[in-house]
Amino acid sequence: PESKMGELPLDINIQEPRWDQGTFLGRAQHFFTVTDPRNLLLSGAQLEASRNIVQNYRAGVVTPGLTEDQLWRAKYVYDSAFHPDTGEKVVLIGRMSAQGSKDKGHCRGGRSKYLCFLRKTPTVVFWQWVNQSFNAVVNYSNRSGDAPITMGQLRTAYVSATTGAVATALGLKSLTKHLPPLVGRFVPFAAVAAANCINIPLMRQRELQVGIPVTDVAGQRLGHSVTAAKQGIFQVVISRICMAIPAMAIPPLIMDTLEKKDFMKRRPWLGAPLQVGLVGFCLVFATPLCCALFPQKSSIHVSKLEPELRAQIHEQNPSIEVVYYNKGL
């Protein structure tokens, strides 16, 4: 359909990000926009308005007076709050833009993941459970595909993910007693990394059972693949582990230096808010940069897919060599 004079043309591809996803810089710009914490301050009405602009534009209806920048802004507001496959609104704490504030909340309760580790076991269990519960919500909210999941399956996934992750963290905490202090400092990071390796696949186990949708370059669905799900989940685990590095390595080093200064010794109450601020600051940058390590729309060679799906794709279109899928976040 043709747009009227002076109206925005209908050939802007808002199915894809605004920046080139073939480069790290383009992916970083994309994710800085999607994970911007200011997106959390938008009201339900503003989110709905953005959704209407995007859906109308996709249907060939241009909102009167809309500029190209406003269209892209609406697309990114929509992307930050709605699931790309199901179209459902993602619960606030499950959105990637909430990552920084979520971890700040944990810091308030447990001072920090590192200091939390030095406390008594019940405290560690409680804060690890809180942390892993948040992670479970984030992992479910940012899953790939739109396969229905029953409450029973969700409950099983949640219990196994949180229990497995907390047990791993406790096991690693018991090691700190036998390690030199410097090595002990990295045990909380090892626990976070191990917990991610457990929590993400368990919260997304449905994808490993039934597969995720794979499409051609035009977005036409070709079938479901467990191989693509494995590849996508592996990439997400790597991104999340990298996301934790700055927030767990930088604040302890800065705080160690600051706590030796007279200024801090006279004002010990400054320790907690400073640490919260440092962790939040690290996450505001680490979240988009680590999401950008891999394209959100990942690809896999047809030759690597399951034999049945490979045969099915060759039958439909023998010229297809690469298929695409949403890896989740």
Protein backbone atom coordinates (compact mmCIF):
# COMPACT_ATOMS: atom_id res chain seq x y z
CA PRO A 1 0.00 0.00 0.00
CA GLU A 2 1.17 3.50 -0.85
CA SER A 3 1.38 6.23 1.78
CA LYS A 4 -0.18 9.67 1.20
CA MET A 5 1.97 12.71 0.33
CA GLY A 6 4.02 13.93 3.31
CA GLU A 7 3.37 10.72 5.22
CA LEU A 8 6.07 8.30 6.27
CA PRO A 9 6.77 5.66 3.56
CA LEU A 10 5.80 2.07 4.40
CA ASP A 11 9.12 0.51 3.37
CA ILE A 12 11.05 1.08 6.63
CA ASN A 13 11.95 -2.40 7.91
CA ILE A 14 11.07 -2.26 11.61
CA GLN A 15 11.12 -6.06 11.79
CA GLU A 16 14.89 -5.70 12.04
CA PRO A 17 16.95 -3.48 14.39
CA ARG A 18 17.87 0.05 13.24
CA TRP A 19 21.60 -0.70 13.27
CA ASP A 20 23.62 -3.29 11.33
CA GLN A 21 23.51 -6.52 13.39
CA GLY A 22 26.46 -7.97 11.51
CA THR A 23 28.83 -5.80 13.59
CA PHE A 24 29.45 -5.69 17.34
CA LEU A 25 29.02 -1.88 17.32
CA GLY A 26 25.63 -2.13 15.61
CA ARG A 27 24.46 -4.79 18.09
CA ALA A 28 25.75 -2.70 21.03
CA GLN A 29 23.76 0.37 19.83
CA HIS A 30 20.68 -1.84 19.47
CA PHE A 31 20.98 -3.32 22.97
CA PHE A 32 21.86 0.01 24.65
CA THR A 33 18.48 1.22 23.34
CA VAL A 34 16.53 -1.93 24.34
CA THR A 35 18.08 -2.25 27.83
CA ASP A 36 17.94 1.48 28.69
CA PRO A 37 16.75 1.55 32.37
CA ARG A 38 14.65 4.66 31.59
CA ASN A 39 12.30 2.36 29.65
CA LEU A 40 11.09 1.08 33.05
CA LEU A 41 9.64 4.51 33.85
CA LEU A 42 7.23 4.41 30.90
CA SER A 43 3.55 4.04 31.81
CA GLY A 44 1.26 1.27 30.57
CA ALA A 45 -0.45 3.84 28.29
CA GLN A 46 2.91 4.84 26.73
CA LEU A 47 3.78 1.17 26.10
CA GLU A 48 0.36 0.57 24.51
CA ALA A 49 0.74 3.70 22.34
CA SER A 50 4.11 2.41 21.07
CA ARG A 51 2.64 -1.04 20.44
CA ASN A 52 -0.22 0.50 18.41
CA ILE A 53 2.20 2.59 16.30
CA VAL A 54 4.32 -0.52 15.55
CA GLN A 55 1.42 -2.87 14.84
CA ASN A 56 -0.40 -0.29 12.68
CA TYR A 57 2.75 0.41 10.68
CA ARG A 58 3.31 -3.32 10.11
CA ALA A 59 -0.31 -3.53 8.90
CA GLY A 60 0.28 -0.65 6.46
CA VAL A 61 -1.33 2.13 8.50
CA VAL A 62 0.85 5.16 9.26
CA THR A 63 -0.05 7.13 12.40
CA PRO A 64 -0.69 10.72 11.14
CA GLY A 65 2.25 13.10 11.62
CA LEU A 66 4.64 10.27 12.61
CA THR A 67 8.34 10.90 11.88
CA GLU A 68 10.91 8.15 11.16
CA ASP A 69 12.66 8.81 14.50
CA GLN A 70 9.35 8.51 16.37
CA LEU A 71 8.64 5.23 14.57
CA TRP A 72 12.04 3.80 15.62
CA ARG A 73 11.55 5.10 19.18
CA ALA A 74 8.15 3.33 19.32
CA LYS A 75 9.73 0.13 17.96
CA TYR A 76 12.42 0.15 20.66
CA VAL A 77 9.95 0.90 23.45
CA TYR A 78 7.85 -2.00 22.10
CA ASP A 79 10.90 -4.31 21.90
CA SER A 80 11.95 -3.46 25.47
CA ALA A 81 8.60 -4.50 26.98
CA PHE A 82 6.99 -7.12 24.69
CA HIS A 83 8.20 -10.65 23.88
CA PRO A 84 9.38 -10.90 20.23
CA ASP A 85 7.74 -14.30 19.58
CA THR A 86 4.57 -14.28 21.69
CA GLY A 87 3.85 -10.53 21.63
CA GLU A 88 2.97 -10.70 25.35
CA LYS A 89 3.96 -7.88 27.69
CA VAL A 90 6.96 -9.04 29.77
CA VAL A 91 6.62 -8.67 33.55
CA LEU A 92 8.61 -5.60 34.72
CA ILE A 93 11.37 -7.49 36.60
CA GLY A 94 11.79 -9.88 33.66
CA ARG A 95 12.80 -7.13 31.22
CA MET A 96 16.45 -6.68 30.31
CA SER A 97 16.18 -2.96 31.15
CA ALA A 98 15.58 -4.03 34.79
CA GLN A 99 18.91 -5.87 35.10
CA GLY A 100 20.78 -2.98 36.75
CA SER A 101 18.03 -2.12 39.23
CA LYS A 102 17.44 -5.82 40.02
CA ASP A 103 21.06 -6.31 41.07
CA LYS A 104 21.04 -3.02 42.99
CA GLY A 105 18.11 -4.43 44.97
CA HIS A 106 20.13 -7.55 45.79
CA CYS A 107 23.02 -5.39 46.90
CA ARG A 108 20.82 -3.54 49.36
CA GLY A 109 19.72 -6.79 50.88
CA GLY A 110 22.96 -8.71 50.72
CA ARG A 111 25.44 -5.78 50.47
CA SER A 112 26.92 -7.49 47.41
CA LYS A 113 27.25 -10.95 45.98
CA TYR A 114 30.80 -11.08 47.30
CA LEU A 115 30.03 -9.88 50.84
CA CYS A 116 26.91 -12.00 50.86
CA PHE A 117 29.17 -14.99 50.41
CA LEU A 118 31.06 -14.20 53.59
CA ARG A 119 27.93 -14.43 55.73
CA LYS A 120 26.35 -17.34 57.54
CA THR A 121 24.85 -20.12 55.44
CA PRO A 122 21.12 -19.24 56.04
CA THR A 123 21.82 -15.68 54.79
CA VAL A 124 23.62 -17.04 51.74
CA VAL A 125 20.75 -19.46 51.03
CA PHE A 126 18.17 -16.68 51.32
CA TRP A 127 19.97 -14.17 49.05
CA GLN A 128 21.00 -16.81 46.53
CA TRP A 129 17.37 -17.98 46.39
CA VAL A 130 16.17 -14.36 45.87
CA ASN A 131 18.83 -13.86 43.17
CA GLN A 132 18.05 -17.15 41.41
CA SER A 133 14.28 -16.46 41.59
CA PHE A 134 14.86 -13.14 39.81
CA ASN A 135 17.09 -14.93 37.30
CA ALA A 136 14.41 -17.56 36.73
CA VAL A 137 11.86 -14.81 35.91
CA VAL A 138 14.35 -13.10 33.55
CA ASN A 139 15.27 -16.39 31.86
CA TYR A 140 11.63 -17.39 31.34
CA SER A 141 10.65 -13.88 30.16
CA ASN A 142 13.47 -13.81 27.59
CA ARG A 143 13.06 -17.36 26.31
CA SER A 144 12.89 -18.13 22.60
CA GLY A 145 9.80 -19.30 20.73
CA ASP A 146 6.11 -19.28 21.55
CA ALA A 147 5.52 -22.94 22.51
CA PRO A 148 2.91 -23.06 25.30
CA ILE A 149 4.18 -24.03 28.74
CA THR A 150 1.87 -25.38 31.47
CA MET A 151 1.94 -24.15 35.09
CA GLY A 152 3.21 -27.60 36.13
CA GLN A 153 6.14 -27.42 33.69
CA LEU A 154 6.89 -23.86 34.80
CA ARG A 155 6.83 -24.91 38.49
CA THR A 156 9.19 -27.86 37.81
CA ALA A 157 11.53 -25.59 35.84
CA TYR A 158 11.53 -22.95 38.61
CA VAL A 159 12.14 -25.40 41.48
CA SER A 160 14.89 -27.29 39.64
CA ALA A 161 16.58 -24.08 38.45
CA THR A 162 16.60 -22.30 41.83
CA THR A 163 17.48 -25.44 43.85
CA GLY A 164 20.30 -26.42 41.48
CA ALA A 165 21.75 -22.91 41.40
CA VAL A 166 21.57 -22.39 45.19
CA ALA A 167 23.10 -25.83 45.85
CA THR A 168 25.97 -25.00 43.46
CA ALA A 169 26.58 -21.65 45.18
CA LEU A 170 26.65 -23.34 48.62
CA GLY A 171 29.01 -26.05 47.40
CA LEU A 172 31.40 -23.41 46.10
CA LYS A 173 31.06 -21.35 49.31
CA SER A 174 32.28 -24.33 51.35
CA LEU A 175 35.45 -24.29 49.22
CA THR A 176 36.35 -20.75 50.30
CA LYS A 177 37.47 -22.04 53.74
CA HIS A 178 40.30 -24.04 52.12
CA LEU A 179 41.45 -21.45 49.57
CA PRO A 180 43.85 -18.50 49.82
CA PRO A 181 41.97 -15.15 50.22
CA LEU A 182 42.79 -13.93 46.69
CA VAL A 183 41.40 -17.09 45.06
CA GLY A 184 38.44 -16.97 47.47
CA ARG A 185 37.47 -13.60 46.00
CA PHE A 186 36.68 -15.28 42.67
CA VAL A 187 34.51 -18.04 44.16
CA PRO A 188 31.33 -15.86 44.11
CA PHE A 189 31.92 -15.25 40.40
CA ALA A 190 32.38 -19.00 39.84
CA ALA A 191 29.09 -19.54 41.71
CA VAL A 192 27.26 -17.00 39.54
CA ALA A 193 28.72 -18.57 36.38
CA ALA A 194 27.78 -22.10 37.51
CA ALA A 195 24.30 -20.96 38.58
CA ASN A 196 23.71 -19.42 35.13
CA CYS A 197 24.76 -22.71 33.49
CA ILE A 198 22.05 -24.44 35.55
CA ASN A 199 19.28 -21.82 35.79
CA ILE A 200 19.06 -20.82 32.10
CA PRO A 201 18.79 -24.33 30.55
CA LEU A 202 16.36 -25.47 33.28
CA MET A 203 14.07 -22.42 32.95
CA ARG A 204 14.14 -22.94 29.16
CA GLN A 205 13.97 -26.76 29.23
CA ARG A 206 10.77 -26.72 27.12
CA GLU A 207 12.86 -25.42 24.19
CA LEU A 208 15.28 -28.33 24.63
CA GLN A 209 12.33 -30.74 24.51
CA VAL A 210 10.24 -29.38 21.61
CA GLY A 211 12.74 -27.07 19.86
CA ILE A 212 12.44 -23.42 18.81
CA PRO A 213 11.04 -21.96 15.57
CA VAL A 214 13.56 -21.58 12.72
CA THR A 215 12.79 -19.31 9.74
CA ASP A 216 14.16 -18.37 6.35
CA VAL A 217 15.68 -14.91 5.78
CA ALA A 218 12.20 -13.46 5.13
CA GLY A 219 10.92 -14.70 8.52
CA GLN A 220 8.84 -17.59 7.09
CA ARG A 221 8.66 -20.44 9.63
CA LEU A 222 10.24 -23.69 8.44
CA GLY A 223 9.91 -25.88 11.54
CA HIS A 224 11.22 -26.37 15.09
CA SER A 225 14.79 -27.30 16.03
CA VAL A 226 16.29 -28.57 19.32
CA THR A 227 19.80 -28.09 17.86
CA ALA A 228 19.10 -24.35 17.36
CA ALA A 229 17.71 -24.20 20.93
CA LYS A 230 20.94 -25.71 22.31
CA GLN A 231 23.08 -23.25 20.35
CA GLY A 232 20.91 -20.28 21.43
CA ILE A 233 20.91 -21.26 25.12
CA PHE A 234 24.70 -21.79 25.05
CA GLN A 235 25.18 -18.26 23.63
CA VAL A 236 22.88 -16.76 26.29
CA VAL A 237 24.80 -18.55 29.09
CA ILE A 238 28.10 -17.11 27.77
CA SER A 239 26.60 -13.59 27.56
CA ARG A 240 25.21 -13.77 31.12
CA ILE A 241 28.50 -15.02 32.58
CA CYS A 242 30.36 -12.16 30.88
CA MET A 243 27.66 -9.74 32.16
CA ALA A 244 28.56 -10.67 35.74
CA ILE A 245 32.32 -10.06 35.36
CA PRO A 246 32.44 -6.22 35.58
CA ALA A 247 29.86 -6.03 38.40
CA MET A 248 31.71 -8.66 40.46
CA ALA A 249 35.31 -7.69 39.70
CA ILE A 250 35.36 -3.88 39.59
CA PRO A 251 33.37 -2.78 42.72
CA PRO A 252 35.36 -4.99 45.20
CA LEU A 253 38.67 -3.60 43.85
CA ILE A 254 37.46 0.03 44.09
CA MET A 255 35.90 -0.54 47.54
CA ASP A 256 39.10 -2.19 48.83
CA THR A 257 41.05 0.93 47.87
CA LEU A 258 38.43 3.38 49.19
CA GLU A 259 37.95 1.63 52.54
CA LYS A 260 41.62 2.25 53.38
CA LYS A 261 41.16 6.03 52.99
CA ASP A 262 40.55 8.22 56.07
CA PHE A 263 37.58 9.79 54.30
CA MET A 264 35.80 6.41 54.26
CA LYS A 265 36.94 5.38 57.74
CA ARG A 266 35.21 8.49 59.12
CA ARG A 267 32.04 7.71 57.10
CA PRO A 268 31.61 3.92 57.12
CA TRP A 269 27.90 4.30 56.26
CA LEU A 270 28.93 5.42 52.75
CA GLY A 271 30.17 1.89 51.95
CA ALA A 272 26.81 0.29 51.12
CA PRO A 273 25.36 3.06 48.88
CA LEU A 274 28.70 3.43 47.07
CA GLN A 275 28.83 -0.28 46.36
CA VAL A 276 25.22 -0.31 45.14
CA GLY A 277 25.99 2.61 42.82
CA LEU A 278 29.14 0.95 41.45
CA VAL A 279 27.37 -2.36 40.74
CA GLY A 280 24.47 -0.55 39.05
CA PHE A 281 26.86 1.56 36.97
CA CYS A 282 28.76 -1.56 35.83
CA LEU A 283 25.51 -3.35 34.88
CA VAL A 284 24.13 -0.42 32.87
CA PHE A 285 27.11 -0.93 30.52
CA ALA A 286 27.73 -4.68 30.93
CA THR A 287 24.12 -5.72 30.12
CA PRO A 288 23.92 -4.25 26.57
CA LEU A 289 27.58 -4.93 25.72
CA CYS A 290 27.29 -8.61 26.70
CA CYS A 291 23.89 -9.05 25.03
CA ALA A 292 25.68 -7.75 21.89
CA LEU A 293 28.26 -10.57 21.89
CA PHE A 294 25.88 -12.58 19.65
CA PRO A 295 23.10 -11.38 17.29
CA GLN A 296 19.60 -11.73 18.78
CA LYS A 297 18.50 -13.19 15.44
CA SER A 298 21.07 -15.98 15.28
CA SER A 299 21.69 -18.26 12.33
CA ILE A 300 22.58 -21.92 11.90
CA HIS A 301 23.61 -23.89 8.81
CA VAL A 302 20.92 -26.28 7.55
CA SER A 303 23.55 -29.08 7.50
CA LYS A 304 23.79 -28.82 11.34
CA LEU A 305 20.04 -29.29 11.92
CA GLU A 306 18.26 -32.53 12.82
CA PRO A 307 18.00 -34.94 9.82
CA GLU A 308 14.14 -34.83 9.69
CA LEU A 309 14.06 -31.00 9.73
CA ARG A 310 16.90 -30.85 7.20
CA ALA A 311 14.94 -33.13 4.84
CA GLN A 312 11.76 -31.10 5.39
CA ILE A 313 13.55 -27.81 4.52
CA HIS A 314 15.23 -29.32 1.42
CA GLU A 315 11.83 -30.56 0.26
CA GLN A 316 10.25 -27.09 0.73
CA ASN A 317 13.17 -25.11 -0.70
CA PRO A 318 16.44 -26.85 -1.71
CA SER A 319 18.26 -23.50 -2.09
CA ILE A 320 18.06 -22.63 1.65
CA GLU A 321 21.46 -23.12 3.29
CA VAL A 322 21.09 -21.03 6.47
CA VAL A 323 18.11 -20.66 8.81
CA TYR A 324 17.47 -18.05 11.51
CA TYR A 325 16.04 -18.13 15.04
CA ASN A 326 15.55 -15.85 18.05
CA LYS A 327 18.14 -17.02 20.60
CA GLY A 328 16.44 -15.24 23.51
CA LEU A 329 18.40 -13.03 25.93
